[in-house]
Amino acid sequence: FYKKYFPRATREAKEMELMQLKQGSMSV
């Protein structure tokens, strides 16, 4: 499913976003 609907580049970008994620002004 991920291969079909989330290309490798998208998955890598999402993983990088997770690694850099900070709460900032978001609620818990």
mmCIF file of all heavy atoms, coordinates in Angstrom:
data_MODEL
# 
_entry.id   MODEL 
# 
loop_
_atom_site.group_PDB 
_atom_site.id 
_atom_site.type_symbol 
_atom_site.label_atom_id 
_atom_site.label_alt_id 
_atom_site.label_comp_id 
_atom_site.label_asym_id 
_atom_site.label_entity_id 
_atom_site.label_seq_id 
_atom_site.pdbx_PDB_ins_code 
_atom_site.Cartn_x 
_atom_site.Cartn_y 
_atom_site.Cartn_z 
_atom_site.occupancy 
_atom_site.B_iso_or_equiv 
_atom_site.pdbx_formal_charge 
_atom_site.auth_seq_id 
_atom_site.auth_comp_id 
_atom_site.auth_asym_id 
_atom_site.auth_atom_id 
_atom_site.pdbx_PDB_model_num 
ATOM 1   N N   . PHE A 1 1  ? 0.831  -1.201 0.000  1.00 0.00 ? 1  PHE A N   1 
ATOM 2   C CA  . PHE A 1 1  ? 0.000  0.000  0.000  1.00 0.00 ? 1  PHE A CA  1 
ATOM 3   C C   . PHE A 1 1  ? 0.870  1.257  0.000  1.00 0.00 ? 1  PHE A C   1 
ATOM 4   O O   . PHE A 1 1  ? 0.626  2.196  -0.756 1.00 0.00 ? 1  PHE A O   1 
ATOM 5   C CB  . PHE A 1 1  ? -0.924 -0.010 1.224  1.00 0.00 ? 1  PHE A CB  1 
ATOM 6   C CG  . PHE A 1 1  ? -1.894 1.131  1.260  1.00 0.00 ? 1  PHE A CG  1 
ATOM 7   C CD1 . PHE A 1 1  ? -3.081 1.077  0.544  1.00 0.00 ? 1  PHE A CD1 1 
ATOM 8   C CD2 . PHE A 1 1  ? -1.628 2.268  2.015  1.00 0.00 ? 1  PHE A CD2 1 
ATOM 9   C CE1 . PHE A 1 1  ? -3.988 2.127  0.575  1.00 0.00 ? 1  PHE A CE1 1 
ATOM 10  C CE2 . PHE A 1 1  ? -2.518 3.321  2.053  1.00 0.00 ? 1  PHE A CE2 1 
ATOM 11  C CZ  . PHE A 1 1  ? -3.700 3.254  1.337  1.00 0.00 ? 1  PHE A CZ  1 
ATOM 12  N N   . TYR A 1 2  ? 1.885  1.282  0.855  1.00 0.00 ? 2  TYR A N   1 
ATOM 13  C CA  . TYR A 1 2  ? 2.786  2.432  0.914  1.00 0.00 ? 2  TYR A CA  1 
ATOM 14  C C   . TYR A 1 2  ? 3.536  2.617  -0.403 1.00 0.00 ? 2  TYR A C   1 
ATOM 15  O O   . TYR A 1 2  ? 3.734  3.740  -0.847 1.00 0.00 ? 2  TYR A O   1 
ATOM 16  C CB  . TYR A 1 2  ? 3.771  2.295  2.073  1.00 0.00 ? 2  TYR A CB  1 
ATOM 17  C CG  . TYR A 1 2  ? 3.218  2.720  3.419  1.00 0.00 ? 2  TYR A CG  1 
ATOM 18  C CD1 . TYR A 1 2  ? 1.864  2.920  3.619  1.00 0.00 ? 2  TYR A CD1 1 
ATOM 19  C CD2 . TYR A 1 2  ? 4.057  2.916  4.487  1.00 0.00 ? 2  TYR A CD2 1 
ATOM 20  C CE1 . TYR A 1 2  ? 1.363  3.305  4.847  1.00 0.00 ? 2  TYR A CE1 1 
ATOM 21  C CE2 . TYR A 1 2  ? 3.561  3.305  5.727  1.00 0.00 ? 2  TYR A CE2 1 
ATOM 22  C CZ  . TYR A 1 2  ? 2.219  3.503  5.897  1.00 0.00 ? 2  TYR A CZ  1 
ATOM 23  O OH  . TYR A 1 2  ? 1.735  3.895  7.111  1.00 0.00 ? 2  TYR A OH  1 
ATOM 24  N N   . LYS A 1 3  ? 3.963  1.517  -1.013 1.00 0.00 ? 3  LYS A N   1 
ATOM 25  C CA  . LYS A 1 3  ? 4.657  1.629  -2.307 1.00 0.00 ? 3  LYS A CA  1 
ATOM 26  C C   . LYS A 1 3  ? 3.765  2.292  -3.335 1.00 0.00 ? 3  LYS A C   1 
ATOM 27  O O   . LYS A 1 3  ? 4.217  3.121  -4.122 1.00 0.00 ? 3  LYS A O   1 
ATOM 28  C CB  . LYS A 1 3  ? 5.055  0.238  -2.822 1.00 0.00 ? 3  LYS A CB  1 
ATOM 29  C CG  . LYS A 1 3  ? 6.296  -0.322 -2.220 1.00 0.00 ? 3  LYS A CG  1 
ATOM 30  C CD  . LYS A 1 3  ? 6.612  -1.631 -2.935 1.00 0.00 ? 3  LYS A CD  1 
ATOM 31  C CE  . LYS A 1 3  ? 7.334  -2.600 -2.050 1.00 0.00 ? 3  LYS A CE  1 
ATOM 32  N NZ  . LYS A 1 3  ? 7.483  -3.906 -2.695 1.00 0.00 ? 3  LYS A NZ  1 
ATOM 33  N N   . LYS A 1 4  ? 2.486  1.921  -3.332 1.00 0.00 ? 4  LYS A N   1 
ATOM 34  C CA  . LYS A 1 4  ? 1.545  2.438  -4.330 1.00 0.00 ? 4  LYS A CA  1 
ATOM 35  C C   . LYS A 1 4  ? 1.157  3.893  -4.058 1.00 0.00 ? 4  LYS A C   1 
ATOM 36  O O   . LYS A 1 4  ? 1.145  4.713  -4.964 1.00 0.00 ? 4  LYS A O   1 
ATOM 37  C CB  . LYS A 1 4  ? 0.292  1.558  -4.345 1.00 0.00 ? 4  LYS A CB  1 
ATOM 38  C CG  . LYS A 1 4  ? -0.860 2.075  -5.171 1.00 0.00 ? 4  LYS A CG  1 
ATOM 39  C CD  . LYS A 1 4  ? -0.596 1.982  -6.636 1.00 0.00 ? 4  LYS A CD  1 
ATOM 40  C CE  . LYS A 1 4  ? -1.839 2.406  -7.426 1.00 0.00 ? 4  LYS A CE  1 
ATOM 41  N NZ  . LYS A 1 4  ? -1.574 2.584  -8.815 1.00 0.00 ? 4  LYS A NZ  1 
ATOM 42  N N   . TYR A 1 5  ? 0.815  4.218  -2.811 1.00 0.00 ? 5  TYR A N   1 
ATOM 43  C CA  . TYR A 1 5  ? 0.211  5.515  -2.509 1.00 0.00 ? 5  TYR A CA  1 
ATOM 44  C C   . TYR A 1 5  ? 1.134  6.513  -1.824 1.00 0.00 ? 5  TYR A C   1 
ATOM 45  O O   . TYR A 1 5  ? 0.789  7.693  -1.709 1.00 0.00 ? 5  TYR A O   1 
ATOM 46  C CB  . TYR A 1 5  ? -1.068 5.321  -1.685 1.00 0.00 ? 5  TYR A CB  1 
ATOM 47  C CG  . TYR A 1 5  ? -2.145 4.686  -2.520 1.00 0.00 ? 5  TYR A CG  1 
ATOM 48  C CD1 . TYR A 1 5  ? -2.410 3.324  -2.439 1.00 0.00 ? 5  TYR A CD1 1 
ATOM 49  C CD2 . TYR A 1 5  ? -2.870 5.434  -3.440 1.00 0.00 ? 5  TYR A CD2 1 
ATOM 50  C CE1 . TYR A 1 5  ? -3.375 2.737  -3.228 1.00 0.00 ? 5  TYR A CE1 1 
ATOM 51  C CE2 . TYR A 1 5  ? -3.840 4.865  -4.236 1.00 0.00 ? 5  TYR A CE2 1 
ATOM 52  C CZ  . TYR A 1 5  ? -4.090 3.505  -4.123 1.00 0.00 ? 5  TYR A CZ  1 
ATOM 53  O OH  . TYR A 1 5  ? -5.047 2.934  -4.917 1.00 0.00 ? 5  TYR A OH  1 
ATOM 54  N N   . PHE A 1 6  ? 2.276  6.065  -1.344 1.00 0.00 ? 6  PHE A N   1 
ATOM 55  C CA  . PHE A 1 6  ? 3.240  6.969  -0.723 1.00 0.00 ? 6  PHE A CA  1 
ATOM 56  C C   . PHE A 1 6  ? 4.621  6.645  -1.269 1.00 0.00 ? 6  PHE A C   1 
ATOM 57  O O   . PHE A 1 6  ? 5.332  5.808  -0.723 1.00 0.00 ? 6  PHE A O   1 
ATOM 58  C CB  . PHE A 1 6  ? 3.228  6.821  0.811  1.00 0.00 ? 6  PHE A CB  1 
ATOM 59  C CG  . PHE A 1 6  ? 1.911  7.178  1.427  1.00 0.00 ? 6  PHE A CG  1 
ATOM 60  C CD1 . PHE A 1 6  ? 1.013  6.181  1.795  1.00 0.00 ? 6  PHE A CD1 1 
ATOM 61  C CD2 . PHE A 1 6  ? 1.555  8.497  1.626  1.00 0.00 ? 6  PHE A CD2 1 
ATOM 62  C CE1 . PHE A 1 6  ? -0.209 6.497  2.346  1.00 0.00 ? 6  PHE A CE1 1 
ATOM 63  C CE2 . PHE A 1 6  ? 0.334  8.826  2.189  1.00 0.00 ? 6  PHE A CE2 1 
ATOM 64  C CZ  . PHE A 1 6  ? -0.556 7.816  2.542  1.00 0.00 ? 6  PHE A CZ  1 
ATOM 65  N N   . PRO A 1 7  ? 5.010  7.299  -2.351 1.00 0.00 ? 7  PRO A N   1 
ATOM 66  C CA  . PRO A 1 7  ? 6.319  7.021  -2.953 1.00 0.00 ? 7  PRO A CA  1 
ATOM 67  C C   . PRO A 1 7  ? 7.448  7.197  -1.936 1.00 0.00 ? 7  PRO A C   1 
ATOM 68  O O   . PRO A 1 7  ? 7.302  7.881  -0.930 1.00 0.00 ? 7  PRO A O   1 
ATOM 69  C CB  . PRO A 1 7  ? 6.428  8.071  -4.064 1.00 0.00 ? 7  PRO A CB  1 
ATOM 70  C CG  . PRO A 1 7  ? 5.047  8.550  -4.300 1.00 0.00 ? 7  PRO A CG  1 
ATOM 71  C CD  . PRO A 1 7  ? 4.293  8.361  -3.025 1.00 0.00 ? 7  PRO A CD  1 
ATOM 72  N N   . ARG A 1 8  ? 8.544  6.570  -2.218 1.00 0.00 ? 8  ARG A N   1 
ATOM 73  C CA  . ARG A 1 8  ? 9.703  6.574  -1.323 1.00 0.00 ? 8  ARG A CA  1 
ATOM 74  C C   . ARG A 1 8  ? 10.104 7.982  -0.905 1.00 0.00 ? 8  ARG A C   1 
ATOM 75  O O   . ARG A 1 8  ? 10.372 8.241  0.268  1.00 0.00 ? 8  ARG A O   1 
ATOM 76  C CB  . ARG A 1 8  ? 10.861 5.856  -2.005 1.00 0.00 ? 8  ARG A CB  1 
ATOM 77  C CG  . ARG A 1 8  ? 12.081 5.755  -1.151 1.00 0.00 ? 8  ARG A CG  1 
ATOM 78  C CD  . ARG A 1 8  ? 13.149 4.945  -1.832 1.00 0.00 ? 8  ARG A CD  1 
ATOM 79  N NE  . ARG A 1 8  ? 14.400 5.124  -1.133 1.00 0.00 ? 8  ARG A NE  1 
ATOM 80  C CZ  . ARG A 1 8  ? 15.569 4.934  -1.679 1.00 0.00 ? 8  ARG A CZ  1 
ATOM 81  N NH1 . ARG A 1 8  ? 15.649 4.539  -2.934 1.00 0.00 ? 8  ARG A NH1 1 
ATOM 82  N NH2 . ARG A 1 8  ? 16.663 5.107  -0.999 1.00 0.00 ? 8  ARG A NH2 1 
ATOM 83  N N   . ALA A 1 9  ? 10.128 8.900  -1.846 1.00 0.00 ? 9  ALA A N   1 
ATOM 84  C CA  . ALA A 1 9  ? 10.525 10.278 -1.525 1.00 0.00 ? 9  ALA A CA  1 
ATOM 85  C C   . ALA A 1 9  ? 9.561  10.912 -0.521 1.00 0.00 ? 9  ALA A C   1 
ATOM 86  O O   . ALA A 1 9  ? 9.996  11.634 0.387  1.00 0.00 ? 9  ALA A O   1 
ATOM 87  C CB  . ALA A 1 9  ? 10.578 11.116 -2.803 1.00 0.00 ? 9  ALA A CB  1 
ATOM 88  N N   . THR A 1 10 ? 8.284  10.621 -0.646 1.00 0.00 ? 10 THR A N   1 
ATOM 89  C CA  . THR A 1 10 ? 7.288  11.152 0.293  1.00 0.00 ? 10 THR A CA  1 
ATOM 90  C C   . THR A 1 10 ? 7.489  10.560 1.674  1.00 0.00 ? 10 THR A C   1 
ATOM 91  O O   . THR A 1 10 ? 7.457  11.269 2.678  1.00 0.00 ? 10 THR A O   1 
ATOM 92  C CB  . THR A 1 10 ? 5.862  10.841 -0.205 1.00 0.00 ? 10 THR A CB  1 
ATOM 93  O OG1 . THR A 1 10 ? 5.685  11.423 -1.501 1.00 0.00 ? 10 THR A OG1 1 
ATOM 94  C CG2 . THR A 1 10 ? 4.807  11.383 0.745  1.00 0.00 ? 10 THR A CG2 1 
ATOM 95  N N   . ARG A 1 11 ? 7.710  9.245  1.735  1.00 0.00 ? 11 ARG A N   1 
ATOM 96  C CA  . ARG A 1 11 ? 7.930  8.586  3.028  1.00 0.00 ? 11 ARG A CA  1 
ATOM 97  C C   . ARG A 1 11 ? 9.185  9.135  3.705  1.00 0.00 ? 11 ARG A C   1 
ATOM 98  O O   . ARG A 1 11 ? 9.193  9.383  4.915  1.00 0.00 ? 11 ARG A O   1 
ATOM 99  C CB  . ARG A 1 11 ? 8.039  7.068  2.842  1.00 0.00 ? 11 ARG A CB  1 
ATOM 100 C CG  . ARG A 1 11 ? 6.721  6.423  2.457  1.00 0.00 ? 11 ARG A CG  1 
ATOM 101 C CD  . ARG A 1 11 ? 6.767  4.911  2.555  1.00 0.00 ? 11 ARG A CD  1 
ATOM 102 N NE  . ARG A 1 11 ? 7.903  4.274  1.941  1.00 0.00 ? 11 ARG A NE  1 
ATOM 103 C CZ  . ARG A 1 11 ? 7.935  3.755  0.722  1.00 0.00 ? 11 ARG A CZ  1 
ATOM 104 N NH1 . ARG A 1 11 ? 6.857  3.788  -0.030 1.00 0.00 ? 11 ARG A NH1 1 
ATOM 105 N NH2 . ARG A 1 11 ? 9.017  3.197  0.253  1.00 0.00 ? 11 ARG A NH2 1 
ATOM 106 N N   . GLU A 1 12 ? 10.242 9.346  2.932  1.00 0.00 ? 12 GLU A N   1 
ATOM 107 C CA  . GLU A 1 12 ? 11.482 9.892  3.499  1.00 0.00 ? 12 GLU A CA  1 
ATOM 108 C C   . GLU A 1 12 ? 11.282 11.315 4.006  1.00 0.00 ? 12 GLU A C   1 
ATOM 109 O O   . GLU A 1 12 ? 11.816 11.690 5.047  1.00 0.00 ? 12 GLU A O   1 
ATOM 110 C CB  . GLU A 1 12 ? 12.605 9.815  2.473  1.00 0.00 ? 12 GLU A CB  1 
ATOM 111 C CG  . GLU A 1 12 ? 13.073 8.400  2.227  1.00 0.00 ? 12 GLU A CG  1 
ATOM 112 C CD  . GLU A 1 12 ? 14.080 8.268  1.092  1.00 0.00 ? 12 GLU A CD  1 
ATOM 113 O OE1 . GLU A 1 12 ? 14.360 9.278  0.406  1.00 0.00 ? 12 GLU A OE1 1 
ATOM 114 O OE2 . GLU A 1 12 ? 14.568 7.142  0.888  1.00 0.00 ? 12 GLU A OE2 1 
ATOM 115 N N   . ALA A 1 13 ? 10.493 12.110 3.268  1.00 0.00 ? 13 ALA A N   1 
ATOM 116 C CA  . ALA A 1 13 ? 10.209 13.480 3.703  1.00 0.00 ? 13 ALA A CA  1 
ATOM 117 C C   . ALA A 1 13 ? 9.404  13.478 5.000  1.00 0.00 ? 13 ALA A C   1 
ATOM 118 O O   . ALA A 1 13 ? 9.679  14.272 5.911  1.00 0.00 ? 13 ALA A O   1 
ATOM 119 C CB  . ALA A 1 13 ? 9.446  14.234 2.613  1.00 0.00 ? 13 ALA A CB  1 
ATOM 120 N N   . LYS A 1 14 ? 8.449  12.567 5.106  1.00 0.00 ? 14 LYS A N   1 
ATOM 121 C CA  . LYS A 1 14 ? 7.643  12.449 6.327  1.00 0.00 ? 14 LYS A CA  1 
ATOM 122 C C   . LYS A 1 14 ? 8.514  11.991 7.496  1.00 0.00 ? 14 LYS A C   1 
ATOM 123 O O   . LYS A 1 14 ? 8.355  12.462 8.624  1.00 0.00 ? 14 LYS A O   1 
ATOM 124 C CB  . LYS A 1 14 ? 6.484  11.468 6.129  1.00 0.00 ? 14 LYS A CB  1 
ATOM 125 C CG  . LYS A 1 14 ? 5.445  11.923 5.143  1.00 0.00 ? 14 LYS A CG  1 
ATOM 126 C CD  . LYS A 1 14 ? 4.539  12.926 5.765  1.00 0.00 ? 14 LYS A CD  1 
ATOM 127 C CE  . LYS A 1 14 ? 3.385  13.268 4.851  1.00 0.00 ? 14 LYS A CE  1 
ATOM 128 N NZ  . LYS A 1 14 ? 2.583  14.357 5.367  1.00 0.00 ? 14 LYS A NZ  1 
ATOM 129 N N   . GLU A 1 15 ? 9.424  11.078 7.237  1.00 0.00 ? 15 GLU A N   1 
ATOM 130 C CA  . GLU A 1 15 ? 10.319 10.608 8.294  1.00 0.00 ? 15 GLU A CA  1 
ATOM 131 C C   . GLU A 1 15 ? 11.230 11.745 8.765  1.00 0.00 ? 15 GLU A C   1 
ATOM 132 O O   . GLU A 1 15 ? 11.450 11.915 9.967  1.00 0.00 ? 15 GLU A O   1 
ATOM 133 C CB  . GLU A 1 15 ? 11.145 9.423  7.809  1.00 0.00 ? 15 GLU A CB  1 
ATOM 134 C CG  . GLU A 1 15 ? 11.912 8.765  8.914  1.00 0.00 ? 15 GLU A CG  1 
ATOM 135 C CD  . GLU A 1 15 ? 12.374 7.357  8.578  1.00 0.00 ? 15 GLU A CD  1 
ATOM 136 O OE1 . GLU A 1 15 ? 12.348 6.957  7.401  1.00 0.00 ? 15 GLU A OE1 1 
ATOM 137 O OE2 . GLU A 1 15 ? 12.765 6.659  9.518  1.00 0.00 ? 15 GLU A OE2 1 
ATOM 138 N N   . MET A 1 16 ? 11.716 12.548 7.834  1.00 0.00 ? 16 MET A N   1 
ATOM 139 C CA  . MET A 1 16 ? 12.556 13.698 8.196  1.00 0.00 ? 16 MET A CA  1 
ATOM 140 C C   . MET A 1 16 ? 11.741 14.710 9.002  1.00 0.00 ? 16 MET A C   1 
ATOM 141 O O   . MET A 1 16 ? 12.237 15.278 9.984  1.00 0.00 ? 16 MET A O   1 
ATOM 142 C CB  . MET A 1 16 ? 13.121 14.364 6.932  1.00 0.00 ? 16 MET A CB  1 
ATOM 143 C CG  . MET A 1 16 ? 14.087 15.485 7.231  1.00 0.00 ? 16 MET A CG  1 
ATOM 144 S SD  . MET A 1 16 ? 15.536 14.978 8.157  1.00 0.00 ? 16 MET A SD  1 
ATOM 145 C CE  . MET A 1 16 ? 16.359 13.957 6.980  1.00 0.00 ? 16 MET A CE  1 
ATOM 146 N N   . GLU A 1 17 ? 10.486 14.898 8.616  1.00 0.00 ? 17 GLU A N   1 
ATOM 147 C CA  . GLU A 1 17 ? 9.607  15.809 9.355  1.00 0.00 ? 17 GLU A CA  1 
ATOM 148 C C   . GLU A 1 17 ? 9.422  15.310 10.796 1.00 0.00 ? 17 GLU A C   1 
ATOM 149 O O   . GLU A 1 17 ? 9.435  16.108 11.739 1.00 0.00 ? 17 GLU A O   1 
ATOM 150 C CB  . GLU A 1 17 ? 8.250  15.904 8.652  1.00 0.00 ? 17 GLU A CB  1 
ATOM 151 C CG  . GLU A 1 17 ? 7.327  16.944 9.222  1.00 0.00 ? 17 GLU A CG  1 
ATOM 152 C CD  . GLU A 1 17 ? 6.012  17.060 8.471  1.00 0.00 ? 17 GLU A CD  1 
ATOM 153 O OE1 . GLU A 1 17 ? 5.857  16.484 7.374  1.00 0.00 ? 17 GLU A OE1 1 
ATOM 154 O OE2 . GLU A 1 17 ? 5.109  17.736 9.007  1.00 0.00 ? 17 GLU A OE2 1 
ATOM 155 N N   . LEU A 1 18 ? 9.274  14.000 10.973 1.00 0.00 ? 18 LEU A N   1 
ATOM 156 C CA  . LEU A 1 18 ? 9.155  13.432 12.315 1.00 0.00 ? 18 LEU A CA  1 
ATOM 157 C C   . LEU A 1 18 ? 10.416 13.691 13.128 1.00 0.00 ? 18 LEU A C   1 
ATOM 158 O O   . LEU A 1 18 ? 10.339 14.070 14.297 1.00 0.00 ? 18 LEU A O   1 
ATOM 159 C CB  . LEU A 1 18 ? 8.876  11.923 12.239 1.00 0.00 ? 18 LEU A CB  1 
ATOM 160 C CG  . LEU A 1 18 ? 8.893  11.171 13.573 1.00 0.00 ? 18 LEU A CG  1 
ATOM 161 C CD1 . LEU A 1 18 ? 7.784  11.671 14.494 1.00 0.00 ? 18 LEU A CD1 1 
ATOM 162 C CD2 . LEU A 1 18 ? 8.770  9.676  13.329 1.00 0.00 ? 18 LEU A CD2 1 
ATOM 163 N N   . MET A 1 19 ? 11.558 13.493 12.522 1.00 0.00 ? 19 MET A N   1 
ATOM 164 C CA  . MET A 1 19 ? 12.818 13.671 13.244 1.00 0.00 ? 19 MET A CA  1 
ATOM 165 C C   . MET A 1 19 ? 13.000 15.120 13.712 1.00 0.00 ? 19 MET A C   1 
ATOM 166 O O   . MET A 1 19 ? 13.622 15.365 14.740 1.00 0.00 ? 19 MET A O   1 
ATOM 167 C CB  . MET A 1 19 ? 14.006 13.246 12.377 1.00 0.00 ? 19 MET A CB  1 
ATOM 168 C CG  . MET A 1 19 ? 13.946 11.786 11.952 1.00 0.00 ? 19 MET A CG  1 
ATOM 169 S SD  . MET A 1 19 ? 13.560 10.674 13.294 1.00 0.00 ? 19 MET A SD  1 
ATOM 170 C CE  . MET A 1 19 ? 15.164 10.171 13.752 1.00 0.00 ? 19 MET A CE  1 
ATOM 171 N N   . GLN A 1 20 ? 12.445 16.072 12.974 1.00 0.00 ? 20 GLN A N   1 
ATOM 172 C CA  . GLN A 1 20 ? 12.595 17.486 13.302 1.00 0.00 ? 20 GLN A CA  1 
ATOM 173 C C   . GLN A 1 20 ? 11.396 18.062 14.062 1.00 0.00 ? 20 GLN A C   1 
ATOM 174 O O   . GLN A 1 20 ? 11.406 19.226 14.435 1.00 0.00 ? 20 GLN A O   1 
ATOM 175 C CB  . GLN A 1 20 ? 12.811 18.288 12.019 1.00 0.00 ? 20 GLN A CB  1 
ATOM 176 C CG  . GLN A 1 20 ? 14.080 17.912 11.302 1.00 0.00 ? 20 GLN A CG  1 
ATOM 177 C CD  . GLN A 1 20 ? 14.211 18.579 9.939  1.00 0.00 ? 20 GLN A CD  1 
ATOM 178 O OE1 . GLN A 1 20 ? 13.291 19.214 9.449  1.00 0.00 ? 20 GLN A OE1 1 
ATOM 179 N NE2 . GLN A 1 20 ? 15.374 18.417 9.328  1.00 0.00 ? 20 GLN A NE2 1 
ATOM 180 N N   . LEU A 1 21 ? 10.381 17.241 14.313 1.00 0.00 ? 21 LEU A N   1 
ATOM 181 C CA  . LEU A 1 21 ? 9.136  17.721 14.910 1.00 0.00 ? 21 LEU A CA  1 
ATOM 182 C C   . LEU A 1 21 ? 9.340  18.232 16.332 1.00 0.00 ? 21 LEU A C   1 
ATOM 183 O O   . LEU A 1 21 ? 9.945  17.571 17.165 1.00 0.00 ? 21 LEU A O   1 
ATOM 184 C CB  . LEU A 1 21 ? 8.084  16.595 14.912 1.00 0.00 ? 21 LEU A CB  1 
ATOM 185 C CG  . LEU A 1 21 ? 6.708  16.970 15.442 1.00 0.00 ? 21 LEU A CG  1 
ATOM 186 C CD1 . LEU A 1 21 ? 6.045  18.012 14.538 1.00 0.00 ? 21 LEU A CD1 1 
ATOM 187 C CD2 . LEU A 1 21 ? 5.823  15.725 15.539 1.00 0.00 ? 21 LEU A CD2 1 
ATOM 188 N N   . LYS A 1 22 ? 8.815  19.419 16.591 1.00 0.00 ? 22 LYS A N   1 
ATOM 189 C CA  . LYS A 1 22 ? 8.791  20.036 17.924 1.00 0.00 ? 22 LYS A CA  1 
ATOM 190 C C   . LYS A 1 22 ? 7.368  20.512 18.173 1.00 0.00 ? 22 LYS A C   1 
ATOM 191 O O   . LYS A 1 22 ? 6.651  20.882 17.248 1.00 0.00 ? 22 LYS A O   1 
ATOM 192 C CB  . LYS A 1 22 ? 9.736  21.247 17.993 1.00 0.00 ? 22 LYS A CB  1 
ATOM 193 C CG  . LYS A 1 22 ? 11.185 20.918 17.712 1.00 0.00 ? 22 LYS A CG  1 
ATOM 194 C CD  . LYS A 1 22 ? 11.827 20.233 18.877 1.00 0.00 ? 22 LYS A CD  1 
ATOM 195 C CE  . LYS A 1 22 ? 13.300 19.988 18.601 1.00 0.00 ? 22 LYS A CE  1 
ATOM 196 N NZ  . LYS A 1 22 ? 13.889 19.035 19.491 1.00 0.00 ? 22 LYS A NZ  1 
ATOM 197 N N   . GLN A 1 23 ? 6.966  20.560 19.429 1.00 0.00 ? 23 GLN A N   1 
ATOM 198 C CA  . GLN A 1 23 ? 5.607  20.956 19.767 1.00 0.00 ? 23 GLN A CA  1 
ATOM 199 C C   . GLN A 1 23 ? 5.333  22.408 19.394 1.00 0.00 ? 23 GLN A C   1 
ATOM 200 O O   . GLN A 1 23 ? 4.290  22.715 18.836 1.00 0.00 ? 23 GLN A O   1 
ATOM 201 C CB  . GLN A 1 23 ? 5.332  20.741 21.257 1.00 0.00 ? 23 GLN A CB  1 
ATOM 202 C CG  . GLN A 1 23 ? 3.922  21.107 21.641 1.00 0.00 ? 23 GLN A CG  1 
ATOM 203 C CD  . GLN A 1 23 ? 3.665  20.992 23.119 1.00 0.00 ? 23 GLN A CD  1 
ATOM 204 O OE1 . GLN A 1 23 ? 4.572  20.773 23.917 1.00 0.00 ? 23 GLN A OE1 1 
ATOM 205 N NE2 . GLN A 1 23 ? 2.418  21.166 23.519 1.00 0.00 ? 23 GLN A NE2 1 
ATOM 206 N N   . GLY A 1 24 ? 6.243  23.288 19.702 1.00 0.00 ? 24 GLY A N   1 
ATOM 207 C CA  . GLY A 1 24 ? 6.052  24.704 19.384 1.00 0.00 ? 24 GLY A CA  1 
ATOM 208 C C   . GLY A 1 24 ? 4.752  25.228 19.968 1.00 0.00 ? 24 GLY A C   1 
ATOM 209 O O   . GLY A 1 24 ? 4.462  25.032 21.139 1.00 0.00 ? 24 GLY A O   1 
ATOM 210 N N   . SER A 1 25 ? 3.917  25.846 19.146 1.00 0.00 ? 25 SER A N   1 
ATOM 211 C CA  . SER A 1 25 ? 2.664  26.441 19.613 1.00 0.00 ? 25 SER A CA  1 
ATOM 212 C C   . SER A 1 25 ? 1.487  25.463 19.581 1.00 0.00 ? 25 SER A C   1 
ATOM 213 O O   . SER A 1 25 ? 0.365  25.846 19.915 1.00 0.00 ? 25 SER A O   1 
ATOM 214 C CB  . SER A 1 25 ? 2.332  27.679 18.774 1.00 0.00 ? 25 SER A CB  1 
ATOM 215 O OG  . SER A 1 25 ? 2.141  27.298 17.424 1.00 0.00 ? 25 SER A OG  1 
ATOM 216 N N   . MET A 1 26 ? 1.727  24.220 19.189 1.00 0.00 ? 26 MET A N   1 
ATOM 217 C CA  . MET A 1 26 ? 0.651  23.230 19.156 1.00 0.00 ? 26 MET A CA  1 
ATOM 218 C C   . MET A 1 26 ? 0.265  22.822 20.579 1.00 0.00 ? 26 MET A C   1 
ATOM 219 O O   . MET A 1 26 ? 1.105  22.819 21.475 1.00 0.00 ? 26 MET A O   1 
ATOM 220 C CB  . MET A 1 26 ? 1.085  21.959 18.407 1.00 0.00 ? 26 MET A CB  1 
ATOM 221 C CG  . MET A 1 26 ? 1.275  22.122 16.917 1.00 0.00 ? 26 MET A CG  1 
ATOM 222 S SD  . MET A 1 26 ? 1.677  20.539 16.129 1.00 0.00 ? 26 MET A SD  1 
ATOM 223 C CE  . MET A 1 26 ? 3.460  20.496 16.377 1.00 0.00 ? 26 MET A CE  1 
ATOM 224 N N   . SER A 1 27 ? -0.984 22.443 20.749 1.00 0.00 ? 27 SER A N   1 
ATOM 225 C CA  . SER A 1 27 ? -1.403 21.851 22.020 1.00 0.00 ? 27 SER A CA  1 
ATOM 226 C C   . SER A 1 27 ? -0.820 20.440 22.087 1.00 0.00 ? 27 SER A C   1 
ATOM 227 O O   . SER A 1 27 ? -0.347 19.907 21.077 1.00 0.00 ? 27 SER A O   1 
ATOM 228 C CB  . SER A 1 27 ? -2.931 21.784 22.101 1.00 0.00 ? 27 SER A CB  1 
ATOM 229 O OG  . SER A 1 27 ? -3.425 20.832 21.165 1.00 0.00 ? 27 SER A OG  1 
ATOM 230 N N   . VAL A 1 28 ? -0.875 19.828 23.255 1.00 0.00 ? 28 VAL A N   1 
ATOM 231 C CA  . VAL A 1 28 ? -0.386 18.454 23.390 1.00 0.00 ? 28 VAL A CA  1 
ATOM 232 C C   . VAL A 1 28 ? -1.188 17.531 22.480 1.00 0.00 ? 28 VAL A C   1 
ATOM 233 O O   . VAL A 1 28 ? -0.619 16.647 21.826 1.00 0.00 ? 28 VAL A O   1 
ATOM 234 C CB  . VAL A 1 28 ? -0.440 17.972 24.862 1.00 0.00 ? 28 VAL A CB  1 
ATOM 235 C CG1 . VAL A 1 28 ? -0.156 16.486 24.962 1.00 0.00 ? 28 VAL A CG1 1 
ATOM 236 C CG2 . VAL A 1 28 ? 0.546  18.758 25.708 1.00 0.00 ? 28 VAL A CG2 1 
# 
